[in-house]
């Protein structure tokens, strides 16, 4: 099987469960809590790597997926960076993100070609040389039928083996038993993922929940709640009210956002809806971890803005 064919097959595999050994592997990973984290949430950042993102060839959907999953797990995503395929840009990004966030994921740049430099760039960032990972080479040989990963073989075999050339001392785990592709962790909180969307999604789904549980320790990971209010008024008109209510609820960890012309699916007006009701032209979002405070804030905004309750969810 060619490398291209293998990656294509990876794209077609969906919904894998993490192996029982994953949490034990994560527990063995050194963790350095973020000094910048002052809330009751773990903080996260994503470094998206690839010239193809920056030059418009490829639409980045991994950052959207990552942010959704973090929201559902109660992890506060504070930054998403997109950097080119250069050692300086990748190294600088992961160093900075690692210092200021509890969890840092990278996406992209771990294939067999010359422009796949993520492992080496991350290694440079934290002073690690590269070394072949024997277990990953063995998994590649077992799973990638038709392609032999061999550092001393043919040009194609050497190219395949490059995908098992990791920073020395990294923690390597296999969240999905069906894949040879691991998650490689460096410096305690930087976790390296492939960029292919379906592969990225399956690995994140299998890896991130256990990581959050492990890092939460004695704390219970609390998901965010989002409540929506539909308003048929101009943003400039409601801005003073939003300022006032945001100040009131900020101490409770509640954040308010305003989004014009974004209208989610909504229930039909019921018997309590005014006869002059019109579809909202602005949607106000209320986000927090205290469901009671979110609900109170939503109700207050409905009253003050003449808005309509568009629902509450812990999903994006």
Protein backbone atom coordinates (compact mmCIF):
# COMPACT_ATOMS: atom_id res chain seq x y z
CA UNK A 1 0.00 0.00 0.00
CA UNK A 2 1.38 3.42 -0.92
CA UNK A 3 1.66 6.18 1.67
CA UNK A 4 -1.00 8.16 -0.16
CA UNK A 5 -3.37 5.20 -0.08
CA UNK A 6 -2.72 4.69 3.63
CA UNK A 7 -3.60 8.26 4.53
CA UNK A 8 -6.70 7.98 2.38
CA UNK A 9 -7.82 4.94 4.36
CA UNK A 10 -7.19 6.83 7.59
CA UNK A 11 -9.66 9.44 6.43
CA UNK A 12 -12.38 6.81 6.08
CA UNK A 13 -12.11 5.41 9.59
CA UNK A 14 -14.48 6.93 12.13
CA UNK A 15 -15.20 6.86 15.84
CA UNK A 16 -12.53 4.81 17.63
CA UNK A 17 -12.40 4.23 21.37
CA UNK A 18 -9.25 4.82 23.35
CA UNK A 19 -7.46 1.68 24.56
CA UNK A 20 -7.51 0.89 28.27
CA UNK A 21 -3.80 1.69 28.53
CA UNK A 22 -4.21 5.30 27.45
CA UNK A 23 -5.01 6.79 30.82
CA UNK A 24 -2.08 4.96 32.42
CA UNK A 25 0.18 6.33 29.71
CA UNK A 26 -1.09 9.85 30.29
CA UNK A 27 -0.56 9.51 34.02
CA UNK A 28 3.08 8.79 33.33
CA UNK A 29 3.45 12.05 31.40
CA UNK A 30 5.00 14.89 33.31
CA UNK A 31 2.61 17.84 33.61
CA UNK A 32 3.54 21.42 34.26
CA UNK A 33 0.47 23.48 35.26
CA UNK A 34 0.14 26.81 33.53
CA UNK A 35 1.17 29.79 35.62
CA UNK A 36 -1.17 31.89 33.50
CA UNK A 37 -4.27 29.91 34.42
CA UNK A 38 -6.24 31.80 37.05
CA UNK A 39 -9.72 30.36 36.52
CA UNK A 40 -11.20 27.01 37.41
CA UNK A 41 -10.66 25.84 33.83
CA UNK A 42 -7.77 24.11 32.21
CA UNK A 43 -6.44 26.32 29.42
CA UNK A 44 -5.59 25.14 25.92
CA UNK A 45 -4.02 26.36 22.70
CA UNK A 46 -3.62 24.93 19.20
CA UNK A 47 -0.74 25.45 16.80
CA UNK A 48 -1.89 24.72 13.23
CA UNK A 49 1.10 24.08 10.99
CA UNK A 50 1.14 24.35 7.23
CA UNK A 51 1.83 26.65 4.29
CA UNK A 52 -1.31 25.22 2.67
CA UNK A 53 -3.44 26.86 5.37
CA UNK A 54 -1.78 30.23 5.03
CA UNK A 55 -1.86 30.34 1.23
CA UNK A 56 -5.52 29.35 1.01
CA UNK A 57 -5.06 25.93 -0.56
CA UNK A 58 -6.61 24.10 2.40
CA UNK A 59 -9.47 25.08 4.69
CA UNK A 60 -8.52 24.56 8.33
CA UNK A 61 -11.29 22.65 10.11
CA UNK A 62 -9.10 21.14 12.82
CA UNK A 63 -9.13 24.31 14.90
CA UNK A 64 -12.93 24.39 14.79
CA UNK A 65 -13.14 20.74 15.88
CA UNK A 66 -10.55 21.24 18.62
CA UNK A 67 -12.39 24.26 20.03
CA UNK A 68 -15.70 22.37 20.01
CA UNK A 69 -14.30 19.40 21.90
CA UNK A 70 -12.55 21.60 24.45
CA UNK A 71 -15.76 23.56 25.06
CA UNK A 72 -17.67 20.34 25.69
CA UNK A 73 -15.00 19.19 28.16
CA UNK A 74 -14.82 22.49 30.02
CA UNK A 75 -11.37 23.45 28.71
CA UNK A 76 -10.88 27.12 27.89
CA UNK A 77 -9.23 27.57 24.49
CA UNK A 78 -7.28 30.81 24.76
CA UNK A 79 -5.30 30.86 21.52
CA UNK A 80 -5.14 29.29 18.07
CA UNK A 81 -2.11 30.09 15.93
CA UNK A 82 -1.43 29.21 12.30
CA UNK A 83 2.24 29.07 11.35
CA UNK A 84 4.17 28.21 8.17
CA UNK A 85 6.36 25.15 7.59
CA UNK A 86 9.50 26.73 9.02
CA UNK A 87 11.58 25.67 12.01
CA UNK A 88 11.65 29.16 13.52
CA UNK A 89 7.89 29.70 13.34
CA UNK A 90 6.95 26.28 14.75
CA UNK A 91 9.56 26.36 17.51
CA UNK A 92 8.67 29.89 18.60
CA UNK A 93 4.95 29.11 18.65
CA UNK A 94 5.11 25.92 20.72
CA UNK A 95 7.58 27.44 23.18
CA UNK A 96 5.32 30.43 23.80
CA UNK A 97 2.10 28.41 23.97
CA UNK A 98 3.66 25.82 26.28
CA UNK A 99 4.65 28.49 28.80
CA UNK A 100 1.18 29.97 29.07
CA UNK A 101 -1.28 27.07 28.63
CA UNK A 102 -2.03 23.78 30.33
CA UNK A 103 -2.63 21.91 27.08
CA UNK A 104 -1.02 22.59 23.70
CA UNK A 105 -1.92 20.57 20.61
CA UNK A 106 -0.25 20.86 17.24
CA UNK A 107 -1.84 19.89 13.93
CA UNK A 108 0.06 19.02 10.76
CA UNK A 109 3.57 18.58 9.45
CA UNK A 110 4.33 14.98 10.47
CA UNK A 111 4.29 13.21 7.09
CA UNK A 112 7.12 11.66 5.04
CA UNK A 113 8.10 14.62 2.83
CA UNK A 114 10.70 17.36 3.13
CA UNK A 115 8.21 19.97 4.35
CA UNK A 116 7.00 17.79 7.25
CA UNK A 117 9.26 19.21 9.95
CA UNK A 118 7.05 19.39 13.05
CA UNK A 119 8.84 16.71 15.10
CA UNK A 120 12.24 18.26 14.44
CA UNK A 121 11.01 21.81 15.05
CA UNK A 122 9.36 20.85 18.35
CA UNK A 123 12.49 18.97 19.35
CA UNK A 124 14.58 22.06 18.66
CA UNK A 125 12.19 24.18 20.69
CA UNK A 126 12.86 22.10 23.81
CA UNK A 127 16.47 21.09 23.17
CA UNK A 128 15.81 17.50 22.08
CA UNK A 129 17.50 15.60 19.29
CA UNK A 130 15.54 13.11 17.19
CA UNK A 131 15.56 9.33 17.46
CA UNK A 132 13.62 6.54 15.79
CA UNK A 133 10.86 5.07 17.93
CA UNK A 134 11.06 1.29 17.73
CA UNK A 135 7.45 0.58 18.73
CA UNK A 136 6.09 2.97 16.14
CA UNK A 137 8.29 1.48 13.42
CA UNK A 138 6.98 -1.96 14.36
CA UNK A 139 3.35 -0.77 14.26
CA UNK A 140 3.93 0.84 10.87
CA UNK A 141 5.31 -2.42 9.47
CA UNK A 142 2.37 -4.34 10.87
CA UNK A 143 -0.42 -1.98 9.84
CA UNK A 144 0.93 -0.37 6.66
CA UNK A 145 0.89 -3.49 4.52
CA UNK A 146 2.86 -2.98 1.30
CA UNK A 147 5.08 -0.26 2.76
CA UNK A 148 8.04 -1.10 4.99
CA UNK A 149 9.34 1.67 7.22
CA UNK A 150 13.11 1.15 7.37
CA UNK A 151 15.65 3.89 8.21
CA UNK A 152 18.29 1.92 6.28
CA UNK A 153 16.14 0.79 3.34
CA UNK A 154 15.12 2.24 0.01
CA UNK A 155 14.27 5.91 -0.45
CA UNK A 156 10.56 5.17 0.02
CA UNK A 157 11.23 3.07 3.12
CA UNK A 158 13.40 5.81 4.62
CA UNK A 159 10.67 8.39 3.88
CA UNK A 160 8.12 6.23 5.70
CA UNK A 161 10.48 5.77 8.65
CA UNK A 162 10.76 9.56 9.03
CA UNK A 163 7.26 9.49 10.47
CA UNK A 164 8.64 7.55 13.46
CA UNK A 165 11.52 9.97 14.08
CA UNK A 166 10.51 11.69 17.33
CA UNK A 167 12.14 14.07 19.84
CA UNK A 168 14.26 12.05 22.25
CA UNK A 169 12.52 11.40 25.57
CA UNK A 170 9.05 12.16 24.23
CA UNK A 171 6.03 10.32 25.61
CA UNK A 172 4.40 8.22 22.87
CA UNK A 173 0.88 6.79 23.18
CA UNK A 174 -1.49 5.12 20.72
CA UNK A 175 -5.04 6.36 21.40
CA UNK A 176 -6.55 4.31 18.55
CA UNK A 177 -5.45 0.70 18.26
CA UNK A 178 -6.40 0.64 14.58
CA UNK A 179 -3.79 3.29 13.76
CA UNK A 180 -0.04 3.12 13.92
CA UNK A 181 -0.09 6.91 14.32
CA UNK A 182 0.69 7.93 17.90
CA UNK A 183 0.29 11.13 19.86
CA UNK A 184 3.79 12.35 20.73
CA UNK A 185 4.08 14.56 23.82
CA UNK A 186 7.02 16.82 24.59
CA UNK A 187 7.85 19.09 27.54
CA UNK A 188 4.90 17.80 29.56
CA UNK A 189 2.13 19.70 27.79
CA UNK A 190 2.81 19.83 24.01
CA UNK A 191 0.96 17.07 22.15
CA UNK A 192 1.70 16.51 18.45
CA UNK A 193 -1.12 15.42 16.12
CA UNK A 194 -1.42 14.77 12.38
CA UNK A 195 -3.17 17.34 10.21
CA UNK A 196 -5.49 15.09 8.19
CA UNK A 197 -8.92 16.12 9.53
CA UNK A 198 -10.54 12.72 10.08
CA UNK A 199 -7.38 11.31 11.62
CA UNK A 200 -6.99 14.40 13.80
CA UNK A 201 -10.61 14.17 14.92
CA UNK A 202 -10.48 10.47 15.81
CA UNK A 203 -7.23 10.85 17.75
CA UNK A 204 -8.50 13.92 19.61
CA UNK A 205 -11.74 12.14 20.53
CA UNK A 206 -9.79 9.17 21.86
CA UNK A 207 -7.09 11.19 23.64
CA UNK A 208 -8.40 14.53 24.91
CA UNK A 209 -11.08 13.33 27.39
CA UNK A 210 -8.60 11.12 29.25
CA UNK A 211 -6.02 13.90 29.23
CA UNK A 212 -8.51 16.34 30.78
CA UNK A 213 -9.50 13.85 33.49
CA UNK A 214 -5.85 13.19 34.26
CA UNK A 215 -4.91 16.87 34.46
CA UNK A 216 -7.99 17.80 36.49
CA UNK A 217 -6.75 15.63 39.36
CA UNK A 218 -9.04 15.95 42.35
CA UNK A 219 -11.12 18.57 40.58
CA UNK A 220 -14.13 17.56 38.54
CA UNK A 221 -13.94 18.76 34.97
CA UNK A 222 -17.02 20.95 34.50
CA UNK A 223 -18.33 21.58 31.01
CA UNK A 224 -19.27 25.01 29.77
CA UNK A 225 -22.91 25.92 29.22
CA UNK A 226 -24.02 28.23 26.42
CA UNK A 227 -27.39 30.00 26.45
CA UNK A 228 -28.68 32.04 23.52
CA UNK A 229 -30.96 35.05 23.36
CA UNK A 230 -32.46 36.23 20.08
CA UNK A 231 -32.93 39.98 19.75
CA UNK A 232 -34.64 41.98 17.00
CA UNK A 233 -32.72 45.20 17.67
CA UNK A 234 -29.51 46.80 16.41
CA UNK A 235 -26.26 45.95 18.19
CA UNK A 236 -25.56 49.63 18.84
CA UNK A 237 -28.92 49.87 20.57
CA UNK A 238 -28.32 46.95 22.95
CA UNK A 239 -24.61 47.61 23.58
CA UNK A 240 -25.09 49.71 26.76
CA UNK A 241 -27.30 47.02 28.31
CA UNK A 242 -24.80 44.28 27.45
CA UNK A 243 -22.01 46.33 29.04
CA UNK A 244 -23.99 46.64 32.26
CA UNK A 245 -25.03 42.98 32.45
CA UNK A 246 -21.53 41.73 31.58
CA UNK A 247 -20.05 43.76 34.42
CA UNK A 248 -22.67 42.32 36.78
CA UNK A 249 -22.02 38.68 35.86
CA UNK A 250 -18.27 38.74 35.19
CA UNK A 251 -17.42 37.83 38.82
CA UNK A 252 -19.42 34.61 38.34
CA UNK A 253 -17.31 33.60 35.36
CA UNK A 254 -20.03 34.40 32.81
CA UNK A 255 -19.08 35.88 29.43
CA UNK A 256 -21.51 37.58 27.06
CA UNK A 257 -21.02 37.86 23.32
CA UNK A 258 -23.07 39.53 20.59
CA UNK A 259 -23.32 38.18 17.03
CA UNK A 260 -25.27 39.99 14.32
CA UNK A 261 -27.01 38.15 11.48
CA UNK A 262 -26.16 34.73 12.96
CA UNK A 263 -29.47 32.97 13.43
CA UNK A 264 -29.40 29.36 14.68
CA UNK A 265 -32.28 26.96 14.31
CA UNK A 266 -35.00 28.03 16.68
CA UNK A 267 -38.41 26.86 17.87
CA UNK A 268 -41.51 28.39 16.40
CA UNK A 269 -43.03 31.12 18.57
CA UNK A 270 -45.35 29.71 21.24
CA UNK A 271 -48.46 31.15 22.81
CA UNK A 272 -46.42 33.43 25.05
CA UNK A 273 -44.63 35.09 22.13
CA UNK A 274 -45.75 38.64 21.30
CA UNK A 275 -47.83 39.01 18.13
CA UNK A 276 -45.25 41.39 16.67
CA UNK A 277 -42.40 38.89 17.13
CA UNK A 278 -39.81 38.93 14.38
CA UNK A 279 -36.83 36.63 13.73
CA UNK A 280 -33.80 37.89 15.65
CA UNK A 281 -31.23 39.99 13.84
CA UNK A 282 -28.74 39.62 16.71
CA UNK A 283 -27.97 36.56 18.81
CA UNK A 284 -26.53 37.16 22.28
CA UNK A 285 -24.48 34.30 23.71
CA UNK A 286 -24.06 33.68 27.43
CA UNK A 287 -21.27 31.24 28.38
CA UNK A 288 -20.15 29.96 31.77
CA UNK A 289 -19.66 26.90 33.94
CA UNK A 290 -22.27 27.79 36.56
CA UNK A 291 -25.53 26.70 34.88
CA UNK A 292 -27.66 28.61 37.37
CA UNK A 293 -25.83 31.89 36.76
CA UNK A 294 -25.96 31.36 32.99
CA UNK A 295 -29.71 30.78 33.20
CA UNK A 296 -30.22 33.87 35.37
CA UNK A 297 -28.19 35.99 32.98
CA UNK A 298 -30.10 34.66 29.99
CA UNK A 299 -33.45 35.43 31.65
CA UNK A 300 -32.33 38.94 32.57
CA UNK A 301 -31.18 39.65 29.03
CA UNK A 302 -34.46 38.38 27.61
CA UNK A 303 -36.30 40.82 29.83
CA UNK A 304 -34.03 43.81 29.30
CA UNK A 305 -33.66 43.34 25.55
CA UNK A 306 -37.15 42.12 24.74
CA UNK A 307 -35.44 38.98 23.50
CA UNK A 308 -36.46 35.39 23.01
CA UNK A 309 -34.90 32.31 24.63
CA UNK A 310 -33.15 30.34 21.87
CA UNK A 311 -32.12 27.50 24.14
CA UNK A 312 -29.30 26.28 26.36
CA UNK A 313 -26.68 23.65 25.61
CA UNK A 314 -23.32 22.28 26.72
CA UNK A 315 -22.58 21.52 23.06
CA UNK A 316 -21.24 23.93 20.49
